[in-house]
Amino acid sequence: MKTKVTISSIAKSFNLFNVVIVSNAVTTIDVLKLGAVVLMIADHVGLYVFDNAWLRVAGRPVAVIFGFLIGYAATIRVPPIWIGLGIGLSLLNRWLFPDEGPHSLDILISLALTRVSLPLLDRLYAAAPLLLVPAIAVLALLTEPVNAFLEYGTEVPIAALLGVAVRLDRGLPGQAAARWVTALAALVGLAFVAIRHFEFTGFTAVACLTLLAVTTMTLANFHTAPIPAPGPLIPLIRWTGRNTLWVYAAHLVILQVVAWSINGHVVEED
């Protein structure tokens, strides 16, 4: 029996999280991904163009949102394009900025590894939902050695654990409490990693903690649903939500090449 290949089926293979899509509606998934894309671009402009700590602070929720959606989506299939682009972007970074190191693998590799690990995370939750909390603690403590090789190598799975807690909360006794405790543990772990890694101090550290608190608490209460949106913005929101992979890759390449060609000094993606 032959499988019919359609434009829709091809597009789904490029959807960064393979989340179920409601064809003719703007969903909370679309809006969440649009917000992540806007913050991602601001973050990278702050890294490659302006060297601005506040723009870097603004970008701290991005990996959290991406990781959360990995855990929330409940699929373990990794499109080959993730691996190809992840390796390609890693090599480009190494080629453009050879003197900076260590060169970690792109976040797409971290997302792929987290996705294939989802059955393990689900089994951990099935054994006891609160086991996600010590798992988050272990990941936070392993940040330094892991992130030397994998970009956001611990932040992504920490956020994915929160996604698992939200997805598997069926309203049974103790599950809601476990979801919120997991969210609190994720906040502590993510804030610890971000403030330490990016060396935020003073107001930037407070802003980072506040932004991550708003993000994790919002994600802890997240659910997929169609939402109203202004008519003229619907195509933009839907397009961005369904093409995050290509927006990510394209803007990253452009900003890295611009930084390399204009600034004449090395910058490395954190």
C-alpha atoms as a PDB file:
ATOM      1  CA  MET A   1       0.000   0.000   0.000  1.00  0.00           C
ATOM      2  CA  LYS A   2       1.450   3.351  -1.070  1.00  0.00           C
ATOM      3  CA  THR A   3       1.542   6.337   1.249  1.00  0.00           C
ATOM      4  CA  LYS A   4       0.224   9.533  -0.246  1.00  0.00           C
ATOM      5  CA  VAL A   5       2.670  12.404   0.186  1.00  0.00           C
ATOM      6  CA  THR A   6       1.034  15.806   0.485  1.00  0.00           C
ATOM      7  CA  ILE A   7       2.267  19.331   1.079  1.00  0.00           C
ATOM      8  CA  SER A   8       0.642  19.142   4.502  1.00  0.00           C
ATOM      9  CA  SER A   9       2.537  15.993   5.449  1.00  0.00           C
ATOM     10  CA  ILE A  10       5.830  17.528   4.329  1.00  0.00           C
ATOM     11  CA  ALA A  11       5.122  20.702   6.320  1.00  0.00           C
ATOM     12  CA  LYS A  12       4.461  18.659   9.460  1.00  0.00           C
ATOM     13  CA  SER A  13       7.957  17.148   9.233  1.00  0.00           C
ATOM     14  CA  PHE A  14       9.394  20.667   9.507  1.00  0.00           C
ATOM     15  CA  ASN A  15       7.205  21.678  12.458  1.00  0.00           C
ATOM     16  CA  LEU A  16       9.683  22.157  15.292  1.00  0.00           C
ATOM     17  CA  PHE A  17       7.603  20.345  17.885  1.00  0.00           C
ATOM     18  CA  ASN A  18       5.161  18.237  15.837  1.00  0.00           C
ATOM     19  CA  VAL A  19       2.321  19.507  18.003  1.00  0.00           C
ATOM     20  CA  VAL A  20      -1.175  18.673  16.749  1.00  0.00           C
ATOM     21  CA  ILE A  21      -2.316  21.603  14.643  1.00  0.00           C
ATOM     22  CA  VAL A  22      -5.856  22.934  14.261  1.00  0.00           C
ATOM     23  CA  SER A  23      -5.768  23.835  10.569  1.00  0.00           C
ATOM     24  CA  ASN A  24      -7.841  27.005  10.456  1.00  0.00           C
ATOM     25  CA  ALA A  25      -7.394  28.405  13.950  1.00  0.00           C
ATOM     26  CA  VAL A  26      -4.831  30.279  15.974  1.00  0.00           C
ATOM     27  CA  THR A  27      -4.027  28.205  19.036  1.00  0.00           C
ATOM     28  CA  THR A  28      -2.241  28.821  22.292  1.00  0.00           C
ATOM     29  CA  ILE A  29       0.636  26.777  20.822  1.00  0.00           C
ATOM     30  CA  ASP A  30       0.971  29.275  17.962  1.00  0.00           C
ATOM     31  CA  VAL A  31       0.979  32.254  20.319  1.00  0.00           C
ATOM     32  CA  LEU A  32       3.485  30.611  22.652  1.00  0.00           C
ATOM     33  CA  LYS A  33       5.841  29.876  19.770  1.00  0.00           C
ATOM     34  CA  LEU A  34       5.421  33.387  18.344  1.00  0.00           C
ATOM     35  CA  GLY A  35       6.411  34.832  21.718  1.00  0.00           C
ATOM     36  CA  ALA A  36       9.425  32.531  21.851  1.00  0.00           C
ATOM     37  CA  VAL A  37      10.516  33.583  18.355  1.00  0.00           C
ATOM     38  CA  VAL A  38      10.281  37.302  19.211  1.00  0.00           C
ATOM     39  CA  LEU A  39      12.307  36.835  22.402  1.00  0.00           C
ATOM     40  CA  MET A  40      14.794  34.595  20.575  1.00  0.00           C
ATOM     41  CA  ILE A  41      15.521  37.247  17.969  1.00  0.00           C
ATOM     42  CA  ALA A  42      15.879  39.923  20.662  1.00  0.00           C
ATOM     43  CA  ASP A  43      18.273  37.665  22.578  1.00  0.00           C
ATOM     44  CA  HIS A  44      20.483  37.022  19.555  1.00  0.00           C
ATOM     45  CA  VAL A  45      20.480  40.680  18.532  1.00  0.00           C
ATOM     46  CA  GLY A  46      21.705  41.407  22.054  1.00  0.00           C
ATOM     47  CA  LEU A  47      24.431  38.803  21.600  1.00  0.00           C
ATOM     48  CA  TYR A  48      25.651  39.409  18.066  1.00  0.00           C
ATOM     49  CA  VAL A  49      24.880  43.084  17.392  1.00  0.00           C
ATOM     50  CA  PHE A  50      24.629  45.219  20.528  1.00  0.00           C
ATOM     51  CA  ASP A  51      26.279  43.159  23.307  1.00  0.00           C
ATOM     52  CA  ASN A  52      23.320  44.123  25.513  1.00  0.00           C
ATOM     53  CA  ALA A  53      22.714  42.326  28.820  1.00  0.00           C
ATOM     54  CA  TRP A  54      19.040  43.341  28.972  1.00  0.00           C
ATOM     55  CA  LEU A  55      18.302  41.775  25.583  1.00  0.00           C
ATOM     56  CA  ARG A  56      20.056  38.638  26.819  1.00  0.00           C
ATOM     57  CA  VAL A  57      17.806  38.648  29.875  1.00  0.00           C
ATOM     58  CA  ALA A  58      14.772  38.944  27.593  1.00  0.00           C
ATOM     59  CA  GLY A  59      15.844  35.762  25.813  1.00  0.00           C
ATOM     60  CA  ARG A  60      16.014  33.524  28.879  1.00  0.00           C
ATOM     61  CA  PRO A  61      12.480  32.096  28.468  1.00  0.00           C
ATOM     62  CA  VAL A  62      13.162  30.873  24.916  1.00  0.00           C
ATOM     63  CA  ALA A  63      14.920  27.569  25.637  1.00  0.00           C
ATOM     64  CA  VAL A  64      12.425  27.026  28.469  1.00  0.00           C
ATOM     65  CA  ILE A  65       9.472  27.332  26.089  1.00  0.00           C
ATOM     66  CA  PHE A  66      11.073  25.104  23.457  1.00  0.00           C
ATOM     67  CA  GLY A  67      11.963  22.478  26.047  1.00  0.00           C
ATOM     68  CA  PHE A  68       8.499  22.626  27.600  1.00  0.00           C
ATOM     69  CA  LEU A  69       6.875  21.985  24.224  1.00  0.00           C
ATOM     70  CA  ILE A  70       9.074  18.925  23.733  1.00  0.00           C
ATOM     71  CA  GLY A  71       7.721  17.399  26.942  1.00  0.00           C
ATOM     72  CA  TYR A  72       4.202  18.614  26.311  1.00  0.00           C
ATOM     73  CA  ALA A  73       3.960  17.242  22.761  1.00  0.00           C
ATOM     74  CA  ALA A  74       4.456  13.564  23.715  1.00  0.00           C
ATOM     75  CA  THR A  75       6.151  12.382  20.526  1.00  0.00           C
ATOM     76  CA  ILE A  76       9.591  10.788  20.253  1.00  0.00           C
ATOM     77  CA  ARG A  77      10.064  11.043  16.482  1.00  0.00           C
ATOM     78  CA  VAL A  78      12.985  13.295  15.594  1.00  0.00           C
ATOM     79  CA  PRO A  79      12.849  14.683  12.030  1.00  0.00           C
ATOM     80  CA  PRO A  80      16.236  14.214  10.319  1.00  0.00           C
ATOM     81  CA  ILE A  81      16.225  17.911   9.448  1.00  0.00           C
ATOM     82  CA  TRP A  82      16.739  18.691  13.148  1.00  0.00           C
ATOM     83  CA  ILE A  83      19.980  16.710  13.188  1.00  0.00           C
ATOM     84  CA  GLY A  84      21.144  18.083   9.852  1.00  0.00           C
ATOM     85  CA  LEU A  85      20.517  21.697  10.759  1.00  0.00           C
ATOM     86  CA  GLY A  86      21.859  21.200  14.272  1.00  0.00           C
ATOM     87  CA  ILE A  87      25.164  19.847  13.001  1.00  0.00           C
ATOM     88  CA  GLY A  88      25.312  22.415  10.198  1.00  0.00           C
ATOM     89  CA  LEU A  89      24.740  25.357  12.546  1.00  0.00           C
ATOM     90  CA  SER A  90      27.303  23.961  14.996  1.00  0.00           C
ATOM     91  CA  LEU A  91      29.917  23.690  12.235  1.00  0.00           C
ATOM     92  CA  LEU A  92      29.127  27.182  10.966  1.00  0.00           C
ATOM     93  CA  ASN A  93      29.615  28.614  14.441  1.00  0.00           C
ATOM     94  CA  ARG A  94      32.925  26.794  14.789  1.00  0.00           C
ATOM     95  CA  TRP A  95      34.077  28.027  11.368  1.00  0.00           C
ATOM     96  CA  LEU A  96      33.078  31.666  11.917  1.00  0.00           C
ATOM     97  CA  PHE A  97      34.412  31.885  15.473  1.00  0.00           C
ATOM     98  CA  PRO A  98      37.252  29.320  15.709  1.00  0.00           C
ATOM     99  CA  ASP A  99      38.987  30.963  18.650  1.00  0.00           C
ATOM    100  CA  GLU A 100      35.989  30.720  20.955  1.00  0.00           C
ATOM    101  CA  GLY A 101      35.468  27.552  22.922  1.00  0.00           C
ATOM    102  CA  PRO A 102      34.361  25.118  23.935  1.00  0.00           C
ATOM    103  CA  HIS A 103      32.059  24.805  20.911  1.00  0.00           C
ATOM    104  CA  SER A 104      28.865  23.142  22.059  1.00  0.00           C
ATOM    105  CA  LEU A 105      26.419  21.434  19.719  1.00  0.00           C
ATOM    106  CA  ASP A 106      23.432  23.511  18.670  1.00  0.00           C
ATOM    107  CA  ILE A 107      20.244  23.524  20.748  1.00  0.00           C
ATOM    108  CA  LEU A 108      18.508  21.451  18.052  1.00  0.00           C
ATOM    109  CA  ILE A 109      20.632  18.491  19.151  1.00  0.00           C
ATOM    110  CA  SER A 110      19.588  19.060  22.765  1.00  0.00           C
ATOM    111  CA  LEU A 111      15.940  19.176  21.680  1.00  0.00           C
ATOM    112  CA  ALA A 112      16.363  15.949  19.692  1.00  0.00           C
ATOM    113  CA  LEU A 113      18.037  14.092  22.564  1.00  0.00           C
ATOM    114  CA  THR A 114      15.358  15.257  24.979  1.00  0.00           C
ATOM    115  CA  ARG A 115      12.612  14.121  22.629  1.00  0.00           C
ATOM    116  CA  VAL A 116      13.982  10.581  22.299  1.00  0.00           C
ATOM    117  CA  SER A 117      14.299  10.491  26.103  1.00  0.00           C
ATOM    118  CA  LEU A 118      10.600  11.214  26.647  1.00  0.00           C
ATOM    119  CA  PRO A 119       9.624   7.573  27.378  1.00  0.00           C
ATOM    120  CA  LEU A 120      12.098   7.600  30.269  1.00  0.00           C
ATOM    121  CA  LEU A 121      10.668  10.869  31.596  1.00  0.00           C
ATOM    122  CA  ASP A 122       7.127   9.513  31.284  1.00  0.00           C
ATOM    123  CA  ARG A 123       8.074   6.371  33.198  1.00  0.00           C
ATOM    124  CA  LEU A 124       9.642   8.505  35.906  1.00  0.00           C
ATOM    125  CA  TYR A 125       6.363  10.383  36.276  1.00  0.00           C
ATOM    126  CA  ALA A 126       4.361   7.136  36.245  1.00  0.00           C
ATOM    127  CA  ALA A 127       6.485   5.750  39.087  1.00  0.00           C
ATOM    128  CA  ALA A 128       5.874   8.858  41.193  1.00  0.00           C
ATOM    129  CA  PRO A 129       5.153  12.353  39.840  1.00  0.00           C
ATOM    130  CA  LEU A 130       7.342  13.992  42.471  1.00  0.00           C
ATOM    131  CA  LEU A 131      10.377  12.091  41.153  1.00  0.00           C
ATOM    132  CA  LEU A 132      10.584  14.847  38.541  1.00  0.00           C
ATOM    133  CA  VAL A 133      11.836  17.181  41.266  1.00  0.00           C
ATOM    134  CA  PRO A 134      15.096  15.340  42.116  1.00  0.00           C
ATOM    135  CA  ALA A 135      15.594  14.789  38.356  1.00  0.00           C
ATOM    136  CA  ILE A 136      15.512  18.566  37.890  1.00  0.00           C
ATOM    137  CA  ALA A 137      17.991  19.013  40.746  1.00  0.00           C
ATOM    138  CA  VAL A 138      20.416  16.520  39.211  1.00  0.00           C
ATOM    139  CA  LEU A 139      20.189  18.212  35.813  1.00  0.00           C
ATOM    140  CA  ALA A 140      20.831  21.646  37.324  1.00  0.00           C
ATOM    141  CA  LEU A 141      23.937  20.354  39.108  1.00  0.00           C
ATOM    142  CA  LEU A 142      25.220  18.782  35.883  1.00  0.00           C
ATOM    143  CA  THR A 143      24.888  22.000  33.885  1.00  0.00           C
ATOM    144  CA  GLU A 144      28.558  22.899  33.664  1.00  0.00           C
ATOM    145  CA  PRO A 145      29.873  19.619  32.185  1.00  0.00           C
ATOM    146  CA  VAL A 146      26.789  18.969  30.030  1.00  0.00           C
ATOM    147  CA  ASN A 147      26.447  22.467  28.559  1.00  0.00           C
ATOM    148  CA  ALA A 148      30.090  22.435  27.543  1.00  0.00           C
ATOM    149  CA  PHE A 149      29.045  19.965  24.840  1.00  0.00           C
ATOM    150  CA  LEU A 150      25.318  20.629  24.376  1.00  0.00           C
ATOM    151  CA  GLU A 151      23.827  24.094  24.050  1.00  0.00           C
ATOM    152  CA  TYR A 152      21.123  24.393  26.723  1.00  0.00           C
ATOM    153  CA  GLY A 153      21.793  20.730  27.411  1.00  0.00           C
ATOM    154  CA  THR A 154      20.230  20.809  30.873  1.00  0.00           C
ATOM    155  CA  GLU A 155      17.751  23.696  30.525  1.00  0.00           C
ATOM    156  CA  VAL A 156      15.869  21.912  27.730  1.00  0.00           C
ATOM    157  CA  PRO A 157      15.255  18.656  29.663  1.00  0.00           C
ATOM    158  CA  ILE A 158      14.414  20.589  32.848  1.00  0.00           C
ATOM    159  CA  ALA A 159      11.713  22.454  30.952  1.00  0.00           C
ATOM    160  CA  ALA A 160      10.641  19.211  29.253  1.00  0.00           C
ATOM    161  CA  LEU A 161      10.037  17.672  32.685  1.00  0.00           C
ATOM    162  CA  LEU A 162       7.612  20.501  33.385  1.00  0.00           C
ATOM    163  CA  GLY A 163       5.946  19.770  30.045  1.00  0.00           C
ATOM    164  CA  VAL A 164       5.589  16.128  31.046  1.00  0.00           C
ATOM    165  CA  ALA A 165       4.022  17.103  34.389  1.00  0.00           C
ATOM    166  CA  VAL A 166       1.483  19.334  32.648  1.00  0.00           C
ATOM    167  CA  ARG A 167       0.651  16.810  29.919  1.00  0.00           C
ATOM    168  CA  LEU A 168       0.188  13.864  32.274  1.00  0.00           C
ATOM    169  CA  ASP A 169      -1.855  15.720  34.885  1.00  0.00           C
ATOM    170  CA  ARG A 170      -5.251  13.995  34.542  1.00  0.00           C
ATOM    171  CA  GLY A 171      -6.737  15.563  37.629  1.00  0.00           C
ATOM    172  CA  LEU A 172      -6.011  12.570  39.839  1.00  0.00           C
ATOM    173  CA  PRO A 173      -5.190  13.137  43.520  1.00  0.00           C
ATOM    174  CA  GLY A 174      -1.747  14.629  43.955  1.00  0.00           C
ATOM    175  CA  GLN A 175      -1.113  15.322  40.268  1.00  0.00           C
ATOM    176  CA  ALA A 176      -1.965  19.017  40.353  1.00  0.00           C
ATOM    177  CA  ALA A 177       0.237  19.488  43.410  1.00  0.00           C
ATOM    178  CA  ALA A 178       3.052  17.596  41.673  1.00  0.00           C
ATOM    179  CA  ARG A 179       2.671  19.850  38.620  1.00  0.00           C
ATOM    180  CA  TRP A 180       3.110  23.006  40.664  1.00  0.00           C
ATOM    181  CA  VAL A 181       5.955  21.589  42.743  1.00  0.00           C
ATOM    182  CA  THR A 182       7.673  20.589  39.503  1.00  0.00           C
ATOM    183  CA  ALA A 183       7.144  24.124  38.184  1.00  0.00           C
ATOM    184  CA  LEU A 184       8.724  25.587  41.323  1.00  0.00           C
ATOM    185  CA  ALA A 185      11.678  23.180  41.103  1.00  0.00           C
ATOM    186  CA  ALA A 186      12.098  24.017  37.418  1.00  0.00           C
ATOM    187  CA  LEU A 187      12.105  27.734  38.241  1.00  0.00           C
ATOM    188  CA  VAL A 188      14.799  27.306  40.877  1.00  0.00           C
ATOM    189  CA  GLY A 189      16.921  25.114  38.597  1.00  0.00           C
ATOM    190  CA  LEU A 190      16.538  27.319  35.520  1.00  0.00           C
ATOM    191  CA  ALA A 191      17.225  30.531  37.447  1.00  0.00           C
ATOM    192  CA  PHE A 192      20.298  28.984  39.058  1.00  0.00           C
ATOM    193  CA  VAL A 193      21.640  27.929  35.660  1.00  0.00           C
ATOM    194  CA  ALA A 194      20.837  31.201  33.849  1.00  0.00           C
ATOM    195  CA  ILE A 195      22.120  33.623  36.478  1.00  0.00           C
ATOM    196  CA  ARG A 196      25.299  31.627  36.984  1.00  0.00           C
ATOM    197  CA  HIS A 197      26.022  30.977  33.307  1.00  0.00           C
ATOM    198  CA  PHE A 198      25.288  34.490  32.042  1.00  0.00           C
ATOM    199  CA  GLU A 199      26.794  36.108  35.129  1.00  0.00           C
ATOM    200  CA  PHE A 200      23.776  38.334  35.733  1.00  0.00           C
ATOM    201  CA  THR A 201      24.049  40.533  38.812  1.00  0.00           C
ATOM    202  CA  GLY A 202      21.923  43.181  40.491  1.00  0.00           C
ATOM    203  CA  PHE A 203      18.907  44.311  38.493  1.00  0.00           C
ATOM    204  CA  THR A 204      19.624  41.965  35.585  1.00  0.00           C
ATOM    205  CA  ALA A 205      19.605  38.991  37.956  1.00  0.00           C
ATOM    206  CA  VAL A 206      16.306  40.135  39.494  1.00  0.00           C
ATOM    207  CA  ALA A 207      14.813  40.673  36.039  1.00  0.00           C
ATOM    208  CA  CYS A 208      15.985  37.227  34.915  1.00  0.00           C
ATOM    209  CA  LEU A 209      14.437  35.560  37.952  1.00  0.00           C
ATOM    210  CA  THR A 210      11.174  37.472  37.497  1.00  0.00           C
ATOM    211  CA  LEU A 211      10.910  36.651  33.803  1.00  0.00           C
ATOM    212  CA  LEU A 212      11.619  32.968  34.403  1.00  0.00           C
ATOM    213  CA  ALA A 213       9.057  32.933  37.236  1.00  0.00           C
ATOM    214  CA  VAL A 214       6.366  34.369  34.964  1.00  0.00           C
ATOM    215  CA  THR A 215       7.328  31.891  32.238  1.00  0.00           C
ATOM    216  CA  THR A 216       7.339  28.743  34.368  1.00  0.00           C
ATOM    217  CA  MET A 217       4.120  29.619  36.188  1.00  0.00           C
ATOM    218  CA  THR A 218       2.409  30.373  32.870  1.00  0.00           C
ATOM    219  CA  LEU A 219       3.603  27.088  31.387  1.00  0.00           C
ATOM    220  CA  ALA A 220       2.468  25.179  34.478  1.00  0.00           C
ATOM    221  CA  ASN A 221      -1.070  26.342  33.700  1.00  0.00           C
ATOM    222  CA  PHE A 222      -0.796  25.836  29.935  1.00  0.00           C
ATOM    223  CA  HIS A 223      -3.282  23.965  27.763  1.00  0.00           C
ATOM    224  CA  THR A 224      -3.883  23.794  24.023  1.00  0.00           C
ATOM    225  CA  ALA A 225      -6.926  25.690  22.833  1.00  0.00           C
ATOM    226  CA  PRO A 226      -8.030  27.892  19.958  1.00  0.00           C
ATOM    227  CA  ILE A 227      -7.946  31.575  20.842  1.00  0.00           C
ATOM    228  CA  PRO A 228      -9.287  34.717  19.158  1.00  0.00           C
ATOM    229  CA  ALA A 229      -6.823  36.900  17.298  1.00  0.00           C
ATOM    230  CA  PRO A 230      -7.090  40.059  15.183  1.00  0.00           C
ATOM    231  CA  GLY A 231      -7.850  39.021  11.608  1.00  0.00           C
ATOM    232  CA  PRO A 232      -4.835  40.723   9.970  1.00  0.00           C
ATOM    233  CA  LEU A 233      -2.453  39.025  12.444  1.00  0.00           C
ATOM    234  CA  ILE A 234      -3.761  35.486  12.000  1.00  0.00           C
ATOM    235  CA  PRO A 235      -1.602  34.608   8.947  1.00  0.00           C
ATOM    236  CA  LEU A 236       1.544  35.948  10.671  1.00  0.00           C
ATOM    237  CA  ILE A 237       0.848  34.116  13.932  1.00  0.00           C
ATOM    238  CA  ARG A 238       0.036  30.846  12.195  1.00  0.00           C
ATOM    239  CA  TRP A 239       2.993  31.074   9.798  1.00  0.00           C
ATOM    240  CA  THR A 240       5.452  31.779  12.617  1.00  0.00           C
ATOM    241  CA  GLY A 241       4.022  29.019  14.776  1.00  0.00           C
ATOM    242  CA  ARG A 242       4.374  26.484  11.994  1.00  0.00           C
ATOM    243  CA  ASN A 243       7.818  27.583  10.758  1.00  0.00           C
ATOM    244  CA  THR A 244       9.818  28.150  13.942  1.00  0.00           C
ATOM    245  CA  LEU A 245      12.565  25.815  12.766  1.00  0.00           C
ATOM    246  CA  TRP A 246      13.321  27.838   9.657  1.00  0.00           C
ATOM    247  CA  VAL A 247      12.962  31.186  11.414  1.00  0.00           C
ATOM    248  CA  TYR A 248      15.452  29.975  13.999  1.00  0.00           C
ATOM    249  CA  ALA A 249      17.997  28.717  11.478  1.00  0.00           C
ATOM    250  CA  ALA A 250      17.701  31.659   9.074  1.00  0.00           C
ATOM    251  CA  HIS A 251      17.956  34.442  11.624  1.00  0.00           C
ATOM    252  CA  LEU A 252      20.857  32.726  13.413  1.00  0.00           C
ATOM    253  CA  VAL A 253      22.882  32.362  10.222  1.00  0.00           C
ATOM    254  CA  ILE A 254      22.200  35.969   9.221  1.00  0.00           C
ATOM    255  CA  LEU A 255      23.168  37.424  12.592  1.00  0.00           C
ATOM    256  CA  GLN A 256      26.296  35.292  12.909  1.00  0.00           C
ATOM    257  CA  VAL A 257      27.502  36.248   9.428  1.00  0.00           C
ATOM    258  CA  VAL A 258      26.766  39.919  10.102  1.00  0.00           C
ATOM    259  CA  ALA A 259      28.694  39.790  13.395  1.00  0.00           C
ATOM    260  CA  TRP A 260      31.596  38.008  11.725  1.00  0.00           C
ATOM    261  CA  SER A 261      31.802  40.373   8.766  1.00  0.00           C
ATOM    262  CA  ILE A 262      31.172  43.711  10.488  1.00  0.00           C
ATOM    263  CA  ASN A 263      32.469  43.479  14.015  1.00  0.00           C
ATOM    264  CA  GLY A 264      35.687  41.696  13.163  1.00  0.00           C
ATOM    265  CA  HIS A 265      35.749  39.921  16.504  1.00  0.00           C
ATOM    266  CA  VAL A 266      34.544  36.609  17.789  1.00  0.00           C
ATOM    267  CA  VAL A 267      31.193  36.095  19.393  1.00  0.00           C
ATOM    268  CA  GLU A 268      29.913  32.742  20.473  1.00  0.00           C
ATOM    269  CA  GLU A 269      26.316  31.702  20.882  1.00  0.00           C
ATOM    270  CA  ASP A 270      25.637  30.977  24.548  1.00  0.00           C
END
